[in-house]
Amino acid sequence: MTLATLAQVLRPANALGYAVPGLVCLGWEDMRAYVAAAEAERAPVILQAGPGCRAHTPLPILAAMFHHLAETASVPVVLHLDHGYSLDDCRAALDLGFTSVMVDGSNLPLAENIALTAAVAKIAHAAGASCEGEIGFVGYAGGAASAGTDPKDAARFAAETGVDAMAISVGNLHLQQSAGAGIDLDRLRAIEAATAVPLVIHGGSGVPLGQRATLAATSRIAKFNIGTELRMAFGAALRDGLARDPDQFDRIALLRGTEAAVTEAARAVMRNLGASGRA
């Protein structure tokens, strides 16, 4: 088994100038493709169970799937709960053997966000796991607007919560289907100057590839969450398979047919972030 915590994969990334992909999982086919990509690239990988995934598949089932994949992998695999919204959400994941939990109190007043995140970090560390928190608010393409991270708030948040990683809002957006304007470098550098914790970018699919690679190599961003571009690769492969064989109705054959394309897309993410050859 190659189970790893978030801290165990992000510290070397910061020290050596690369970033680790946090890959958003929705089902067996994509999570298996992500581990296959990590094996092929000799890269660490973070498997993420977010709210959409958990609404579709019960958390104990996801935990079993993640554990099975980690047990058969030879590269570090982090089992990560993404966007847990309460202490109970995160405790449930830790009880099931997740090695990392992200608690999202970003919509709360600062003091409440700090209190919630500190409580989650305490139980995560007691379980031998890691904790990621979020300061500022990362919005959604076509949805809720972002609130940029204040560097002074980030400094207080990092100091008072004890998180192992800190998600920040610096121009990034969830659910972008194409590259956006990119990261606000001035805000990022101010946050880096005020804190020492590894940083996380949610909505990494919307960050231009060139900037993603540069920031992975030259900033304290150690984790990029990538979901939308991989879901798009899955959808394109599924549509292609249906077009090639319109009489096919077997769901296993249809879904298995997406794995090669998703694996290659995930490999490209790992190469872009400099994670290849790091395991």
Protein backbone atom coordinates (compact mmCIF):
# COMPACT_ATOMS: atom_id res chain seq x y z
CA MET A 1 0.00 0.00 0.00
CA THR A 2 1.26 3.48 -0.84
CA LEU A 3 -1.12 5.61 1.20
CA ALA A 4 0.22 9.11 1.80
CA THR A 5 -1.02 12.19 3.58
CA LEU A 6 -1.37 15.56 1.92
CA ALA A 7 1.54 16.93 3.95
CA GLN A 8 3.77 14.06 2.84
CA VAL A 9 3.33 14.88 -0.85
CA LEU A 10 3.14 18.69 -0.67
CA ARG A 11 6.26 19.37 1.38
CA PRO A 12 8.60 17.84 -1.23
CA ALA A 13 6.68 19.64 -3.97
CA ASN A 14 7.37 23.01 -2.33
CA ALA A 15 10.98 22.13 -1.67
CA LEU A 16 11.75 20.87 -5.18
CA GLY A 17 9.60 23.16 -7.34
CA TYR A 18 6.64 21.20 -8.65
CA ALA A 19 2.96 20.75 -7.78
CA VAL A 20 0.81 17.68 -7.17
CA PRO A 21 -2.54 17.34 -8.94
CA GLY A 22 -5.68 16.99 -6.85
CA LEU A 23 -7.85 15.06 -9.30
CA VAL A 24 -11.63 15.28 -8.91
CA CYS A 25 -13.17 11.81 -8.93
CA LEU A 26 -16.73 11.04 -10.02
CA GLY A 27 -16.64 7.28 -10.53
CA TRP A 28 -14.61 4.10 -10.79
CA GLU A 29 -13.46 4.69 -14.36
CA ASP A 30 -11.90 8.09 -13.77
CA MET A 31 -10.26 7.28 -10.43
CA ARG A 32 -8.75 4.12 -11.95
CA ALA A 33 -7.50 6.18 -14.90
CA TYR A 34 -5.91 8.71 -12.55
CA VAL A 35 -3.93 6.03 -10.70
CA ALA A 36 -2.90 4.47 -14.02
CA ALA A 37 -1.66 7.91 -15.10
CA ALA A 38 0.29 8.35 -11.87
CA GLU A 39 1.90 4.93 -12.30
CA ALA A 40 2.86 5.71 -15.90
CA GLU A 41 4.31 9.10 -14.94
CA ARG A 42 5.84 7.92 -11.63
CA ALA A 43 4.00 10.80 -9.98
CA PRO A 44 2.21 11.22 -6.65
CA VAL A 45 -1.54 11.69 -7.00
CA ILE A 46 -4.37 13.03 -4.84
CA LEU A 47 -7.74 11.32 -5.35
CA GLN A 48 -10.50 13.74 -4.36
CA ALA A 49 -14.06 12.92 -3.32
CA GLY A 50 -16.01 16.16 -3.59
CA PRO A 51 -19.65 16.96 -2.81
CA GLY A 52 -20.95 15.89 -6.25
CA CYS A 53 -19.18 12.57 -6.04
CA ARG A 54 -20.42 11.98 -2.48
CA ALA A 55 -24.00 12.81 -3.49
CA HIS A 56 -23.82 10.11 -6.17
CA THR A 57 -21.89 7.41 -4.28
CA PRO A 58 -21.94 6.89 -0.48
CA LEU A 59 -18.71 7.86 1.25
CA PRO A 60 -17.98 4.33 2.59
CA ILE A 61 -18.09 2.99 -0.98
CA LEU A 62 -15.76 5.73 -2.19
CA ALA A 63 -13.39 4.99 0.69
CA ALA A 64 -13.27 1.31 -0.27
CA MET A 65 -12.61 2.17 -3.92
CA PHE A 66 -9.85 4.61 -3.02
CA HIS A 67 -8.24 2.14 -0.63
CA HIS A 68 -8.30 -0.64 -3.21
CA LEU A 69 -6.53 1.57 -5.75
CA ALA A 70 -3.94 2.73 -3.21
CA GLU A 71 -3.24 -0.85 -2.14
CA THR A 72 -2.35 -1.82 -5.69
CA ALA A 73 -0.34 1.31 -6.53
CA SER A 74 3.42 1.77 -6.26
CA VAL A 75 3.25 5.58 -6.18
CA PRO A 76 2.01 7.79 -3.31
CA VAL A 77 -1.79 8.07 -3.29
CA VAL A 78 -3.58 10.59 -1.06
CA LEU A 79 -7.20 9.82 -0.18
CA HIS A 80 -8.71 13.28 0.11
CA LEU A 81 -12.14 14.57 1.10
CA ASP A 82 -12.74 17.76 -0.88
CA HIS A 83 -15.08 20.48 0.40
CA GLY A 84 -16.23 18.97 3.66
CA TYR A 85 -18.55 21.53 5.17
CA SER A 86 -18.65 20.43 8.80
CA LEU A 87 -16.70 18.71 11.53
CA ASP A 88 -18.98 15.68 11.08
CA ASP A 89 -18.26 15.50 7.32
CA CYS A 90 -14.54 15.40 8.01
CA ARG A 91 -14.75 13.04 10.97
CA ALA A 92 -16.72 10.56 8.86
CA ALA A 93 -13.99 10.58 6.21
CA LEU A 94 -11.22 10.17 8.77
CA ASP A 95 -13.06 7.26 10.38
CA LEU A 96 -13.12 5.58 6.94
CA GLY A 97 -9.37 5.96 6.49
CA PHE A 98 -9.10 9.07 4.35
CA THR A 99 -5.59 10.45 4.72
CA SER A 100 -6.55 14.07 4.10
CA VAL A 101 -9.62 16.26 4.56
CA MET A 102 -10.41 19.70 3.18
CA VAL A 103 -12.82 21.66 5.33
CA ASP A 104 -14.51 24.54 3.56
CA GLY A 105 -15.49 27.33 5.90
CA SER A 106 -14.80 29.98 3.29
CA ASN A 107 -18.35 31.36 3.40
CA LEU A 108 -18.16 31.87 7.17
CA PRO A 109 -16.95 34.98 8.98
CA LEU A 110 -13.19 34.79 9.51
CA ALA A 111 -13.30 33.87 13.20
CA GLU A 112 -15.82 31.08 12.56
CA ASN A 113 -13.83 29.76 9.62
CA ILE A 114 -10.71 29.67 11.80
CA ALA A 115 -12.52 27.91 14.64
CA LEU A 116 -14.03 25.25 12.36
CA THR A 117 -10.80 24.66 10.46
CA ALA A 118 -8.72 24.46 13.64
CA ALA A 119 -11.12 21.86 15.06
CA VAL A 120 -10.87 19.76 11.90
CA ALA A 121 -7.08 20.08 11.79
CA LYS A 122 -6.93 18.84 15.38
CA ILE A 123 -8.91 15.66 14.70
CA ALA A 124 -7.13 15.08 11.38
CA HIS A 125 -3.71 15.28 12.99
CA ALA A 126 -4.85 13.01 15.83
CA ALA A 127 -5.80 10.46 13.15
CA GLY A 128 -2.42 10.78 11.43
CA ALA A 129 -4.02 12.62 8.50
CA SER A 130 -3.70 16.08 6.96
CA CYS A 131 -6.04 19.06 6.78
CA GLU A 132 -6.57 21.64 4.04
CA GLY A 133 -8.54 24.81 4.70
CA GLU A 134 -9.73 27.72 2.55
CA ILE A 135 -9.40 31.44 3.19
CA GLY A 136 -11.11 33.85 0.84
CA PHE A 137 -13.78 32.38 -1.42
CA VAL A 138 -13.21 30.73 -4.79
CA GLY A 139 -16.27 31.37 -6.92
CA TYR A 140 -17.83 29.47 -9.81
CA ALA A 141 -17.87 30.19 -13.52
CA GLY A 142 -21.35 31.49 -14.22
CA GLY A 143 -22.22 31.34 -10.53
CA ALA A 144 -21.19 32.76 -7.17
CA ALA A 145 -18.58 35.50 -7.35
CA SER A 146 -15.16 35.12 -5.74
CA ALA A 147 -13.90 37.03 -2.73
CA GLY A 148 -10.14 37.42 -3.03
CA THR A 149 -7.94 36.24 -0.18
CA ASP A 150 -6.67 39.04 2.06
CA PRO A 151 -2.98 38.37 2.86
CA LYS A 152 -3.43 39.54 6.47
CA ASP A 153 -6.38 37.17 6.92
CA ALA A 154 -4.32 34.40 5.33
CA ALA A 155 -1.51 34.96 7.83
CA ARG A 156 -3.91 34.77 10.77
CA PHE A 157 -5.71 31.75 9.30
CA ALA A 158 -2.50 29.79 8.78
CA ALA A 159 -1.15 30.62 12.23
CA GLU A 160 -4.33 29.88 14.18
CA THR A 161 -5.61 26.76 12.37
CA GLY A 162 -2.49 24.62 11.98
CA VAL A 163 -3.54 23.53 8.48
CA ASP A 164 -1.15 21.56 6.29
CA ALA A 165 -2.32 23.34 3.13
CA MET A 166 -4.28 26.50 2.42
CA ALA A 167 -6.60 27.05 -0.53
CA ILE A 168 -6.63 30.66 -1.68
CA SER A 169 -8.67 32.88 -4.00
CA VAL A 170 -6.37 34.74 -6.39
CA GLY A 171 -8.38 34.94 -9.61
CA ASN A 172 -9.10 31.22 -9.90
CA LEU A 173 -12.66 29.94 -10.45
CA HIS A 174 -14.33 26.55 -10.16
CA LEU A 175 -15.85 24.91 -13.27
CA GLN A 176 -14.11 26.93 -15.99
CA GLN A 177 -14.18 25.10 -19.32
CA SER A 178 -11.40 27.17 -20.89
CA ALA A 179 -8.44 29.18 -19.67
CA GLY A 180 -9.41 32.35 -17.86
CA ALA A 181 -7.49 35.53 -17.14
CA GLY A 182 -5.04 33.71 -14.92
CA ILE A 183 -3.77 34.18 -11.41
CA ASP A 184 -3.42 37.58 -9.71
CA LEU A 185 0.33 37.43 -9.13
CA ASP A 186 0.49 40.48 -6.89
CA ARG A 187 -2.06 39.00 -4.49
CA LEU A 188 -0.33 35.61 -4.62
CA ARG A 189 3.09 37.10 -3.79
CA ALA A 190 1.61 39.06 -0.90
CA ILE A 191 0.09 35.86 0.51
CA GLU A 192 3.39 34.03 0.09
CA ALA A 193 5.19 36.81 1.95
CA ALA A 194 2.73 36.60 4.86
CA THR A 195 2.57 32.79 5.25
CA ALA A 196 4.72 29.65 5.08
CA VAL A 197 2.12 26.91 4.44
CA PRO A 198 1.80 25.11 1.06
CA LEU A 199 -0.83 26.80 -1.10
CA VAL A 200 -3.65 25.24 -3.12
CA ILE A 201 -5.46 26.44 -6.23
CA HIS A 202 -9.04 25.23 -6.67
CA GLY A 203 -10.43 25.54 -10.17
CA GLY A 204 -7.07 24.73 -11.72
CA SER A 205 -8.61 23.90 -15.10
CA GLY A 206 -9.18 27.62 -15.66
CA VAL A 207 -5.53 28.58 -15.12
CA PRO A 208 -3.64 28.84 -18.45
CA LEU A 209 -1.27 25.91 -18.96
CA GLY A 210 1.83 28.08 -19.19
CA GLN A 211 1.04 29.90 -15.98
CA ARG A 212 0.17 26.64 -14.24
CA ALA A 213 3.60 25.22 -15.11
CA THR A 214 5.43 28.40 -14.09
CA LEU A 215 3.63 28.68 -10.76
CA ALA A 216 4.21 25.00 -9.99
CA ALA A 217 7.93 25.56 -10.46
CA THR A 218 8.37 29.00 -8.93
CA SER A 219 5.67 29.64 -6.31
CA ARG A 220 4.52 28.01 -3.08
CA ILE A 221 1.45 26.61 -4.86
CA ALA A 222 1.96 22.89 -4.28
CA LYS A 223 -1.46 21.57 -5.33
CA PHE A 224 -3.72 22.35 -8.26
CA ASN A 225 -7.24 20.89 -8.19
CA ILE A 226 -8.13 19.68 -11.67
CA GLY A 227 -11.62 18.49 -12.53
CA THR A 228 -13.40 20.19 -15.41
CA GLU A 229 -10.82 19.48 -18.12
CA LEU A 230 -10.75 15.80 -17.15
CA ARG A 231 -14.54 15.58 -17.14
CA MET A 232 -14.46 17.13 -20.60
CA ALA A 233 -11.98 14.46 -21.74
CA PHE A 234 -14.30 11.79 -20.34
CA GLY A 235 -17.34 13.27 -22.10
CA ALA A 236 -15.54 13.58 -25.43
CA ALA A 237 -14.32 9.98 -25.24
CA LEU A 238 -17.79 8.73 -24.35
CA ARG A 239 -19.40 10.59 -27.22
CA ASP A 240 -16.72 9.34 -29.59
CA GLY A 241 -17.30 5.76 -28.50
CA LEU A 242 -21.05 6.07 -29.02
CA ALA A 243 -20.53 7.58 -32.47
CA ARG A 244 -18.19 4.79 -33.50
CA ASP A 245 -20.51 2.06 -32.28
CA PRO A 246 -24.06 3.42 -32.03
CA ASP A 247 -25.46 -0.06 -31.34
CA GLN A 248 -23.36 -0.51 -28.21
CA PHE A 249 -25.52 -0.54 -25.08
CA ASP A 250 -23.34 -2.26 -22.49
CA ARG A 251 -22.43 0.32 -19.86
CA ILE A 252 -19.22 -1.45 -18.87
CA ALA A 253 -17.93 -1.40 -22.45
CA LEU A 254 -19.00 2.23 -22.90
CA LEU A 255 -17.38 3.45 -19.71
CA ARG A 256 -14.23 1.36 -20.08
CA GLY A 257 -13.81 2.98 -23.47
CA THR A 258 -13.20 6.35 -21.79
CA GLU A 259 -10.28 5.27 -19.64
CA ALA A 260 -7.44 5.58 -22.15
CA ALA A 261 -8.37 9.17 -23.01
CA VAL A 262 -8.81 10.18 -19.37
CA THR A 263 -5.52 8.50 -18.45
CA GLU A 264 -3.68 10.46 -21.14
CA ALA A 265 -5.36 13.72 -20.07
CA ALA A 266 -4.31 13.10 -16.46
CA ARG A 267 -0.76 12.28 -17.55
CA ALA A 268 -0.62 15.62 -19.36
CA VAL A 269 -1.68 17.39 -16.16
CA MET A 270 1.07 15.66 -14.18
CA ARG A 271 3.74 16.53 -16.75
CA ASN A 272 2.60 20.16 -16.89
CA LEU A 273 2.91 20.51 -13.10
CA GLY A 274 6.36 18.93 -13.02
CA ALA A 275 5.10 15.98 -10.93
CA SER A 276 6.35 13.27 -13.30
CA GLY A 277 9.26 11.23 -11.99
CA ARG A 278 8.78 12.47 -8.43
CA ALA A 279 7.45 9.21 -6.93
